Structures are given as C-alpha cells and as structure tokens.
C-alpha cells in the first residue's frame, strides 16, 4: 500500500473509453516513442475537481482499446494524499472528461531523482528456542521412528551379544 504524497511509478492495464462512452473521438492514443502520453487523472472517490493528478503513460499497444501500460502519477500541488494499491482504478482524463481507466497492478514510490524507493525489508525475529527448552527433558519427537532411535530399550543391547 502506498500513499500518493509524491510521484509513483505504476503498471497496469488501461482501457480507453469509446467515443460513445464519452472518450476520445480519435480513439486510443498512438504512442510516440519519443514522447509519453500525458494527461490528467484522479482516483475515485475523488473527482477531477478535488483529486487531480498528472499522469504519463508509455509502453502501451498502438490503437488498442485495452492494453498493458506503465506510467507515472504525480499529485497536483496542495491535494491531499491518496491511497494507491494494486486493484485500484485511476480515471484518465483530458481536462475533466474521462477518456480511459487504468487498473493498477503494481505501484512503487519514486524518489525526487526519479529512482524507485524500495521498501525496507521487514524481518520478524525468530523466538529464542534455546531459552524455552528445558535441559532435563528430551526434545519432543514427532515421528515414532525418531523417538525409538532416541530412546533406550532393554532389547537394545541384545544385538551386540549376537
């Protein structure tokens, strides 16, 4: 889970709205390999008026109505933090008109230099089992074969006499 208080790198699937749905009259944008597709966006329940962010998309199929894409979300100045998690929907707008929907599959925070901020590895320390074990009792053996090999029986010495 990432709170969008700064720029975020996102990857997901974009579905462009048809002209009948109020989307782009010219259809899906054609990616230009020199430039990214840039627009505005918001994350519901916010709207284009109270939660607008900038979005830049790349790596999407030319002319496809549904395609994988990657991009960068940049919050507008002064807007509150928004929660961005895999599965959330980003509404892509041109002005205030929705033209596409991006379903987020991966999200990474970006440092001010544009590099990804990797979360710190959180390791749960293992409990100290040596302190909990009593030295007077043998350790518990799950297997009967293991307990037989660890136990002493009166017949154990008879094999040595043969």
N, C-alpha and C. Protein backbone atom coordinates (compact mmCIF):
# COMPACT_ATOMS: atom_id res chain seq x y z
N UNK A 1 0.84 -1.16 0.00
CA UNK A 1 0.00 0.00 0.00
C UNK A 1 0.90 1.24 0.00
N UNK A 2 0.60 2.18 -0.86
CA UNK A 2 1.39 3.40 -0.98
C UNK A 2 0.44 4.59 -0.95
N UNK A 3 0.82 5.59 -0.18
CA UNK A 3 0.05 6.84 -0.19
C UNK A 3 0.71 7.77 -1.19
N UNK A 4 -0.08 8.30 -2.12
CA UNK A 4 0.46 9.18 -3.14
C UNK A 4 0.64 10.58 -2.57
N UNK A 5 1.78 10.78 -1.94
CA UNK A 5 2.15 12.11 -1.47
C UNK A 5 3.25 12.66 -2.36
N UNK A 6 3.81 11.82 -3.19
CA UNK A 6 4.83 12.17 -4.16
C UNK A 6 4.58 11.35 -5.41
N UNK A 7 5.49 11.40 -6.36
CA UNK A 7 5.31 10.68 -7.61
C UNK A 7 5.36 9.17 -7.40
N UNK A 8 4.56 8.45 -8.19
CA UNK A 8 4.50 6.99 -8.11
C UNK A 8 4.68 6.39 -9.50
N UNK A 9 5.43 5.29 -9.56
CA UNK A 9 5.50 4.51 -10.79
C UNK A 9 4.41 3.44 -10.70
N UNK A 10 3.62 3.31 -11.74
CA UNK A 10 2.53 2.34 -11.74
C UNK A 10 2.61 1.50 -13.01
N UNK A 11 2.09 0.29 -12.90
CA UNK A 11 1.97 -0.60 -14.05
C UNK A 11 0.61 -1.25 -13.94
N UNK A 12 -0.07 -1.38 -15.08
CA UNK A 12 -1.39 -1.98 -15.06
C UNK A 12 -1.96 -2.13 -16.45
N UNK A 13 -3.28 -2.18 -16.52
CA UNK A 13 -3.98 -2.33 -17.79
C UNK A 13 -4.87 -1.11 -17.99
N UNK A 14 -4.74 -0.49 -19.16
CA UNK A 14 -5.57 0.68 -19.47
C UNK A 14 -6.64 0.26 -20.47
N UNK A 15 -7.86 0.74 -20.22
CA UNK A 15 -8.99 0.55 -21.13
C UNK A 15 -9.42 1.95 -21.55
N UNK A 16 -9.33 2.20 -22.86
CA UNK A 16 -9.73 3.52 -23.38
C UNK A 16 -11.22 3.52 -23.65
N UNK A 17 -11.90 4.58 -23.26
CA UNK A 17 -13.34 4.71 -23.49
C UNK A 17 -13.60 5.01 -24.96
N UNK A 18 -14.66 4.44 -25.49
CA UNK A 18 -15.03 4.70 -26.88
C UNK A 18 -15.66 6.09 -26.98
N UNK A 19 -15.77 6.64 -28.18
CA UNK A 19 -16.45 7.94 -28.33
C UNK A 19 -17.89 7.90 -27.82
N UNK A 20 -18.57 6.76 -27.96
CA UNK A 20 -19.95 6.63 -27.48
C UNK A 20 -20.00 6.66 -25.95
N UNK A 21 -18.91 6.28 -25.29
CA UNK A 21 -18.83 6.32 -23.82
C UNK A 21 -18.32 7.67 -23.33
N UNK A 22 -18.07 8.59 -24.23
CA UNK A 22 -17.57 9.91 -23.86
C UNK A 22 -16.06 10.03 -23.93
N UNK A 23 -15.41 9.01 -24.50
CA UNK A 23 -13.95 9.00 -24.60
C UNK A 23 -13.44 9.83 -25.76
N UNK A 24 -12.21 9.57 -26.14
CA UNK A 24 -11.56 10.31 -27.22
C UNK A 24 -12.26 10.05 -28.56
N UNK A 25 -12.53 11.11 -29.30
CA UNK A 25 -13.17 10.99 -30.61
C UNK A 25 -12.23 10.27 -31.58
N UNK A 26 -10.94 10.50 -31.45
CA UNK A 26 -9.95 9.89 -32.34
C UNK A 26 -9.57 8.48 -31.94
N UNK A 27 -10.16 7.95 -30.87
CA UNK A 27 -9.84 6.60 -30.42
C UNK A 27 -8.63 6.58 -29.51
N UNK A 28 -8.09 5.39 -29.25
CA UNK A 28 -6.94 5.28 -28.34
C UNK A 28 -5.75 6.09 -28.87
N UNK A 29 -4.99 6.68 -27.96
CA UNK A 29 -3.84 7.46 -28.43
C UNK A 29 -2.78 6.56 -29.04
N UNK A 30 -2.07 7.08 -30.01
CA UNK A 30 -0.96 6.37 -30.63
C UNK A 30 0.31 6.74 -29.86
N UNK A 31 0.97 5.74 -29.26
CA UNK A 31 2.19 6.08 -28.52
C UNK A 31 3.28 6.56 -29.46
N UNK A 32 3.97 7.56 -29.02
CA UNK A 32 5.11 8.10 -29.75
C UNK A 32 6.34 7.69 -28.97
N UNK A 33 7.29 7.08 -29.62
CA UNK A 33 8.43 6.54 -28.91
C UNK A 33 9.38 7.62 -28.42
N UNK A 34 9.18 8.85 -28.85
CA UNK A 34 9.99 9.96 -28.35
C UNK A 34 9.31 10.65 -27.17
N UNK A 35 7.98 10.52 -27.05
CA UNK A 35 7.23 11.21 -26.01
C UNK A 35 6.25 10.25 -25.36
N UNK A 36 5.95 10.49 -24.09
CA UNK A 36 4.92 9.73 -23.38
C UNK A 36 3.58 10.40 -23.60
N UNK A 37 2.49 9.62 -23.47
CA UNK A 37 1.15 10.19 -23.49
C UNK A 37 0.94 10.82 -22.12
N UNK A 38 0.62 12.10 -22.09
CA UNK A 38 0.40 12.80 -20.82
C UNK A 38 -1.03 13.31 -20.76
N UNK A 39 -1.59 13.26 -19.57
CA UNK A 39 -2.96 13.71 -19.35
C UNK A 39 -3.13 14.00 -17.87
N UNK A 40 -4.34 14.19 -17.46
CA UNK A 40 -4.66 14.33 -16.04
C UNK A 40 -5.42 13.08 -15.61
N UNK A 41 -5.54 12.89 -14.30
CA UNK A 41 -6.20 11.70 -13.78
C UNK A 41 -6.67 11.97 -12.36
N UNK A 42 -7.50 11.06 -11.85
CA UNK A 42 -7.89 11.08 -10.44
C UNK A 42 -8.24 9.68 -10.01
N UNK A 43 -8.23 9.47 -8.70
CA UNK A 43 -8.59 8.17 -8.12
C UNK A 43 -9.92 8.33 -7.40
N UNK A 44 -10.96 7.59 -7.84
CA UNK A 44 -12.22 7.65 -7.11
C UNK A 44 -12.03 7.20 -5.67
N UNK A 45 -12.72 7.74 -4.71
CA UNK A 45 -13.93 8.53 -4.82
C UNK A 45 -13.68 10.02 -5.08
N UNK A 46 -12.43 10.41 -5.23
CA UNK A 46 -12.15 11.81 -5.59
C UNK A 46 -12.69 12.07 -6.99
N UNK A 47 -12.68 13.33 -7.37
CA UNK A 47 -13.14 13.73 -8.70
C UNK A 47 -12.04 14.54 -9.37
N UNK A 48 -12.29 14.93 -10.60
CA UNK A 48 -11.33 15.76 -11.32
C UNK A 48 -11.17 17.12 -10.64
N UNK A 49 -12.16 17.54 -9.85
CA UNK A 49 -12.10 18.83 -9.18
C UNK A 49 -11.30 18.79 -7.88
N UNK A 50 -11.38 17.67 -7.13
CA UNK A 50 -10.73 17.67 -5.81
C UNK A 50 -9.59 16.66 -5.65
N UNK A 51 -9.22 15.94 -6.70
CA UNK A 51 -8.16 14.96 -6.54
C UNK A 51 -7.32 14.79 -7.78
N UNK A 52 -7.18 15.83 -8.55
CA UNK A 52 -6.50 15.71 -9.83
C UNK A 52 -5.00 15.46 -9.68
N UNK A 53 -4.48 14.61 -10.54
CA UNK A 53 -3.06 14.28 -10.60
C UNK A 53 -2.65 14.29 -12.06
N UNK A 54 -1.36 14.42 -12.29
CA UNK A 54 -0.84 14.29 -13.65
C UNK A 54 -0.50 12.83 -13.89
N UNK A 55 -0.62 12.38 -15.12
CA UNK A 55 -0.25 11.01 -15.47
C UNK A 55 0.49 11.01 -16.80
N UNK A 56 1.52 10.20 -16.87
CA UNK A 56 2.27 9.98 -18.11
C UNK A 56 2.28 8.47 -18.34
N UNK A 57 1.84 8.04 -19.52
CA UNK A 57 1.78 6.61 -19.85
C UNK A 57 2.72 6.29 -21.00
N UNK A 58 3.26 5.06 -20.95
CA UNK A 58 4.10 4.56 -22.04
C UNK A 58 3.97 3.05 -22.10
N UNK A 59 4.61 2.47 -23.10
CA UNK A 59 4.63 1.01 -23.26
C UNK A 59 3.23 0.42 -23.44
N UNK A 60 2.35 1.12 -24.15
CA UNK A 60 1.04 0.54 -24.44
C UNK A 60 0.92 0.31 -25.95
N UNK A 61 0.08 -0.63 -26.33
CA UNK A 61 -0.05 -1.03 -27.73
C UNK A 61 -0.76 0.06 -28.53
N UNK A 62 -0.22 0.40 -29.71
CA UNK A 62 -0.84 1.43 -30.54
C UNK A 62 -2.23 1.02 -31.01
N UNK A 63 -3.21 1.90 -30.83
CA UNK A 63 -4.57 1.68 -31.31
C UNK A 63 -5.38 0.65 -30.55
N UNK A 64 -4.83 0.06 -29.49
CA UNK A 64 -5.56 -0.97 -28.73
C UNK A 64 -6.51 -0.31 -27.74
N UNK A 65 -7.72 -0.83 -27.65
CA UNK A 65 -8.69 -0.30 -26.70
C UNK A 65 -8.39 -0.77 -25.29
N UNK A 66 -7.74 -1.93 -25.17
CA UNK A 66 -7.33 -2.49 -23.86
C UNK A 66 -5.91 -2.98 -24.01
N UNK A 67 -5.00 -2.47 -23.15
CA UNK A 67 -3.59 -2.81 -23.30
C UNK A 67 -2.84 -2.63 -21.99
N UNK A 68 -1.80 -3.43 -21.75
CA UNK A 68 -0.93 -3.16 -20.60
C UNK A 68 -0.21 -1.83 -20.82
N UNK A 69 0.08 -1.16 -19.72
CA UNK A 69 0.78 0.13 -19.80
C UNK A 69 1.55 0.36 -18.51
N UNK A 70 2.52 1.23 -18.58
CA UNK A 70 3.22 1.67 -17.37
C UNK A 70 3.25 3.19 -17.40
N UNK A 71 3.36 3.76 -16.22
CA UNK A 71 3.32 5.21 -16.18
C UNK A 71 3.76 5.78 -14.86
N UNK A 72 3.59 7.08 -14.76
CA UNK A 72 3.94 7.83 -13.55
C UNK A 72 2.75 8.69 -13.17
N UNK A 73 2.38 8.64 -11.89
CA UNK A 73 1.34 9.52 -11.34
C UNK A 73 2.01 10.60 -10.52
N UNK A 74 1.62 11.84 -10.74
CA UNK A 74 2.18 12.97 -10.00
C UNK A 74 1.01 13.76 -9.41
N UNK A 75 0.90 13.83 -8.08
CA UNK A 75 -0.24 14.54 -7.48
C UNK A 75 -0.15 16.04 -7.75
N UNK A 76 -1.32 16.67 -7.86
CA UNK A 76 -1.37 18.12 -8.04
C UNK A 76 -0.95 18.79 -6.74
N UNK A 77 -0.37 19.95 -6.85
CA UNK A 77 0.09 20.69 -5.68
C UNK A 77 -1.09 21.01 -4.77
N UNK A 78 -0.93 20.73 -3.48
CA UNK A 78 -1.95 21.08 -2.50
C UNK A 78 -3.03 20.04 -2.31
N UNK A 79 -3.04 18.97 -3.12
CA UNK A 79 -4.05 17.94 -2.93
C UNK A 79 -3.59 16.96 -1.85
N UNK A 80 -4.56 16.45 -1.10
CA UNK A 80 -4.26 15.51 -0.02
C UNK A 80 -3.77 14.18 -0.58
N UNK A 81 -3.14 13.40 0.29
CA UNK A 81 -2.62 12.09 -0.09
C UNK A 81 -3.77 11.18 -0.52
N UNK A 82 -3.49 10.31 -1.48
CA UNK A 82 -4.46 9.34 -1.94
C UNK A 82 -3.83 7.96 -1.87
N UNK A 83 -4.60 6.97 -1.48
CA UNK A 83 -4.10 5.61 -1.35
C UNK A 83 -4.10 4.94 -2.72
N UNK A 84 -2.93 4.44 -3.13
CA UNK A 84 -2.80 3.76 -4.41
C UNK A 84 -2.32 2.34 -4.12
N UNK A 85 -3.14 1.35 -4.45
CA UNK A 85 -2.80 -0.05 -4.20
C UNK A 85 -3.14 -0.86 -5.45
N UNK A 86 -2.52 -2.03 -5.62
CA UNK A 86 -2.92 -2.87 -6.74
C UNK A 86 -4.42 -3.17 -6.67
N UNK A 87 -5.06 -3.03 -7.82
CA UNK A 87 -6.50 -3.24 -7.91
C UNK A 87 -7.30 -1.95 -7.97
N UNK A 88 -6.68 -0.82 -7.60
CA UNK A 88 -7.44 0.44 -7.65
C UNK A 88 -7.54 0.93 -9.10
N UNK A 89 -8.51 1.78 -9.34
CA UNK A 89 -8.78 2.32 -10.67
C UNK A 89 -8.35 3.78 -10.71
N UNK A 90 -7.60 4.14 -11.73
CA UNK A 90 -7.23 5.53 -11.99
C UNK A 90 -8.03 5.97 -13.21
N UNK A 91 -8.81 7.04 -13.06
CA UNK A 91 -9.58 7.57 -14.18
C UNK A 91 -8.70 8.56 -14.92
N UNK A 92 -8.42 8.27 -16.19
CA UNK A 92 -7.59 9.14 -17.03
C UNK A 92 -8.51 10.16 -17.69
N UNK A 93 -8.14 11.42 -17.57
CA UNK A 93 -8.99 12.48 -18.11
C UNK A 93 -8.19 13.38 -19.05
N UNK A 94 -8.89 13.99 -19.96
CA UNK A 94 -8.34 15.08 -20.77
C UNK A 94 -9.20 16.28 -20.39
N UNK A 95 -8.61 17.16 -19.60
CA UNK A 95 -9.40 18.20 -18.94
C UNK A 95 -10.13 17.53 -17.80
N UNK A 96 -11.45 17.64 -17.80
CA UNK A 96 -12.24 16.94 -16.79
C UNK A 96 -13.00 15.76 -17.38
N UNK A 97 -12.87 15.53 -18.68
CA UNK A 97 -13.60 14.46 -19.37
C UNK A 97 -12.85 13.13 -19.25
N UNK A 98 -13.46 12.08 -18.66
CA UNK A 98 -12.81 10.77 -18.60
C UNK A 98 -12.62 10.18 -20.00
N UNK A 99 -11.41 9.69 -20.27
CA UNK A 99 -11.12 9.08 -21.57
C UNK A 99 -10.58 7.65 -21.43
N UNK A 100 -10.21 7.25 -20.22
CA UNK A 100 -9.68 5.90 -20.03
C UNK A 100 -9.67 5.52 -18.56
N UNK A 101 -9.52 4.21 -18.31
CA UNK A 101 -9.45 3.67 -16.96
C UNK A 101 -8.19 2.81 -16.86
N UNK A 102 -7.37 3.09 -15.88
CA UNK A 102 -6.16 2.31 -15.64
C UNK A 102 -6.36 1.50 -14.38
N UNK A 103 -6.33 0.17 -14.50
CA UNK A 103 -6.39 -0.70 -13.33
C UNK A 103 -4.95 -0.95 -12.90
N UNK A 104 -4.61 -0.54 -11.69
CA UNK A 104 -3.23 -0.63 -11.19
C UNK A 104 -2.93 -2.06 -10.76
N UNK A 105 -1.80 -2.58 -11.24
CA UNK A 105 -1.35 -3.92 -10.85
C UNK A 105 -0.09 -3.88 -10.00
N UNK A 106 0.76 -2.88 -10.21
CA UNK A 106 1.98 -2.69 -9.42
C UNK A 106 2.12 -1.20 -9.13
N UNK A 107 2.67 -0.89 -7.96
CA UNK A 107 2.89 0.50 -7.61
C UNK A 107 4.19 0.61 -6.82
N UNK A 108 4.99 1.63 -7.15
CA UNK A 108 6.26 1.88 -6.48
C UNK A 108 6.40 3.38 -6.26
N UNK A 109 6.86 3.75 -5.07
CA UNK A 109 7.14 5.16 -4.79
C UNK A 109 8.40 5.57 -5.54
N UNK A 110 8.48 6.83 -5.93
CA UNK A 110 9.65 7.36 -6.62
C UNK A 110 10.33 8.41 -5.76
N UNK A 111 11.66 8.36 -5.73
CA UNK A 111 12.44 9.39 -5.03
C UNK A 111 12.44 10.66 -5.88
N UNK A 112 12.94 11.74 -5.34
CA UNK A 112 12.95 13.01 -6.06
C UNK A 112 13.80 12.95 -7.33
N UNK A 113 14.77 12.02 -7.39
CA UNK A 113 15.58 11.88 -8.60
C UNK A 113 14.95 10.93 -9.63
N UNK A 114 13.76 10.39 -9.33
CA UNK A 114 13.06 9.52 -10.26
C UNK A 114 13.34 8.04 -10.07
N UNK A 115 14.22 7.68 -9.15
CA UNK A 115 14.50 6.27 -8.91
C UNK A 115 13.43 5.68 -7.99
N UNK A 116 13.23 4.36 -8.10
CA UNK A 116 12.24 3.69 -7.26
C UNK A 116 12.72 3.64 -5.82
N UNK A 117 11.78 3.85 -4.91
CA UNK A 117 12.05 3.70 -3.48
C UNK A 117 11.62 2.30 -3.10
N UNK A 118 12.58 1.47 -2.75
CA UNK A 118 12.26 0.10 -2.37
C UNK A 118 11.93 0.06 -0.89
N UNK A 119 10.86 -0.66 -0.52
CA UNK A 119 10.51 -0.74 0.90
C UNK A 119 11.60 -1.48 1.67
N UNK A 120 11.81 -1.07 2.90
CA UNK A 120 12.80 -1.73 3.74
C UNK A 120 12.32 -3.14 4.05
N UNK A 121 13.25 -4.06 4.00
CA UNK A 121 12.90 -5.45 4.31
C UNK A 121 12.56 -5.56 5.79
N UNK A 122 11.40 -6.08 6.05
CA UNK A 122 10.97 -6.25 7.44
C UNK A 122 11.06 -7.71 7.78
N UNK A 123 11.99 -8.03 8.63
CA UNK A 123 12.16 -9.41 9.05
C UNK A 123 11.64 -9.55 10.48
N UNK A 124 10.85 -10.57 10.68
CA UNK A 124 10.36 -10.86 12.02
C UNK A 124 11.39 -11.74 12.71
N UNK A 125 11.91 -11.30 13.84
CA UNK A 125 12.92 -12.12 14.50
C UNK A 125 12.31 -13.42 15.01
N UNK A 126 13.10 -14.48 14.89
CA UNK A 126 12.64 -15.78 15.38
C UNK A 126 12.75 -15.81 16.89
N UNK A 127 11.83 -16.49 17.56
CA UNK A 127 11.93 -16.58 19.01
C UNK A 127 13.15 -17.41 19.41
N UNK A 128 13.70 -17.12 20.57
CA UNK A 128 14.85 -17.85 21.07
C UNK A 128 14.36 -19.16 21.67
N UNK A 129 14.54 -20.24 20.90
CA UNK A 129 14.02 -21.54 21.33
C UNK A 129 14.92 -22.20 22.37
N UNK A 130 16.18 -21.81 22.43
CA UNK A 130 17.09 -22.46 23.40
C UNK A 130 16.73 -22.06 24.82
N UNK A 131 16.25 -20.85 25.02
CA UNK A 131 15.89 -20.42 26.36
C UNK A 131 14.62 -21.10 26.84
N UNK A 132 13.73 -21.46 25.91
CA UNK A 132 12.45 -22.07 26.29
C UNK A 132 12.59 -23.56 26.55
N UNK A 133 13.64 -24.19 26.04
CA UNK A 133 13.80 -25.63 26.17
C UNK A 133 14.42 -25.97 27.52
N UNK A 134 13.84 -26.95 28.16
CA UNK A 134 14.38 -27.43 29.43
C UNK A 134 15.45 -28.47 29.13
N UNK A 135 16.56 -28.42 29.84
CA UNK A 135 17.64 -29.37 29.59
C UNK A 135 17.37 -30.71 30.25
N UNK A 136 16.43 -30.81 31.18
CA UNK A 136 16.16 -32.07 31.86
C UNK A 136 15.26 -32.98 31.04
N UNK A 137 14.47 -32.44 30.12
CA UNK A 137 13.57 -33.25 29.31
C UNK A 137 14.14 -33.43 27.91
N UNK A 138 13.97 -34.61 27.33
CA UNK A 138 14.41 -34.78 25.95
C UNK A 138 13.49 -33.98 25.03
N UNK A 139 13.97 -33.56 23.88
CA UNK A 139 13.13 -32.79 22.98
C UNK A 139 11.99 -33.65 22.43
N UNK A 140 10.88 -33.03 22.13
CA UNK A 140 9.72 -33.73 21.58
C UNK A 140 10.06 -34.24 20.18
N UNK A 141 9.73 -35.46 19.89
CA UNK A 141 9.96 -36.05 18.58
C UNK A 141 8.60 -36.35 17.96
N UNK A 142 8.38 -35.83 16.80
CA UNK A 142 7.10 -36.04 16.14
C UNK A 142 6.98 -37.47 15.63
N UNK A 143 8.03 -37.99 15.09
CA UNK A 143 7.99 -39.31 14.47
C UNK A 143 8.27 -40.39 15.49
N UNK A 144 7.54 -41.50 15.38
CA UNK A 144 7.80 -42.63 16.29
C UNK A 144 9.16 -43.24 16.00
N UNK A 145 9.57 -43.23 14.75
CA UNK A 145 10.89 -43.77 14.41
C UNK A 145 11.97 -42.94 15.07
N UNK A 146 11.82 -41.63 15.06
CA UNK A 146 12.82 -40.77 15.70
C UNK A 146 12.84 -41.00 17.20
N UNK A 147 11.68 -41.19 17.82
CA UNK A 147 11.67 -41.41 19.26
C UNK A 147 12.24 -42.78 19.61
N UNK A 148 12.06 -43.77 18.75
CA UNK A 148 12.62 -45.09 19.03
C UNK A 148 14.14 -45.05 18.99
N UNK A 149 14.71 -44.34 18.00
CA UNK A 149 16.16 -44.26 17.91
C UNK A 149 16.74 -43.45 19.06
N UNK A 150 15.98 -42.54 19.62
CA UNK A 150 16.48 -41.71 20.72
C UNK A 150 16.29 -42.37 22.07
N UNK A 151 15.40 -43.38 22.17
CA UNK A 151 15.11 -43.97 23.48
C UNK A 151 15.99 -45.20 23.73
N UNK A 152 16.06 -45.58 24.97
CA UNK A 152 16.78 -46.79 25.37
C UNK A 152 15.76 -47.87 25.72
N UNK A 153 15.98 -49.03 25.20
CA UNK A 153 15.09 -50.15 25.47
C UNK A 153 15.93 -51.33 25.94
N UNK A 154 15.33 -52.22 26.69
CA UNK A 154 16.09 -53.35 27.24
C UNK A 154 16.63 -54.26 26.14
N UNK A 155 15.97 -54.28 24.97
CA UNK A 155 16.44 -55.14 23.89
C UNK A 155 17.55 -54.50 23.06
N UNK A 156 17.90 -53.26 23.33
CA UNK A 156 18.91 -52.58 22.53
C UNK A 156 20.27 -53.26 22.63
N UNK A 157 20.64 -53.80 23.77
CA UNK A 157 21.95 -54.41 23.95
C UNK A 157 22.03 -55.82 23.41
N UNK A 158 20.91 -56.48 23.09
CA UNK A 158 20.94 -57.87 22.66
C UNK A 158 21.57 -58.02 21.29
N UNK A 159 21.50 -57.04 20.42
CA UNK A 159 22.12 -57.15 19.10
C UNK A 159 23.64 -57.19 19.22
N UNK A 160 24.18 -56.52 20.21
CA UNK A 160 25.63 -56.52 20.40
C UNK A 160 26.13 -57.88 20.86
N UNK A 161 25.28 -58.68 21.52
CA UNK A 161 25.67 -60.00 22.03
C UNK A 161 25.65 -61.07 20.95
N UNK A 162 25.06 -60.83 19.82
CA UNK A 162 24.96 -61.87 18.78
C UNK A 162 26.23 -62.08 18.06
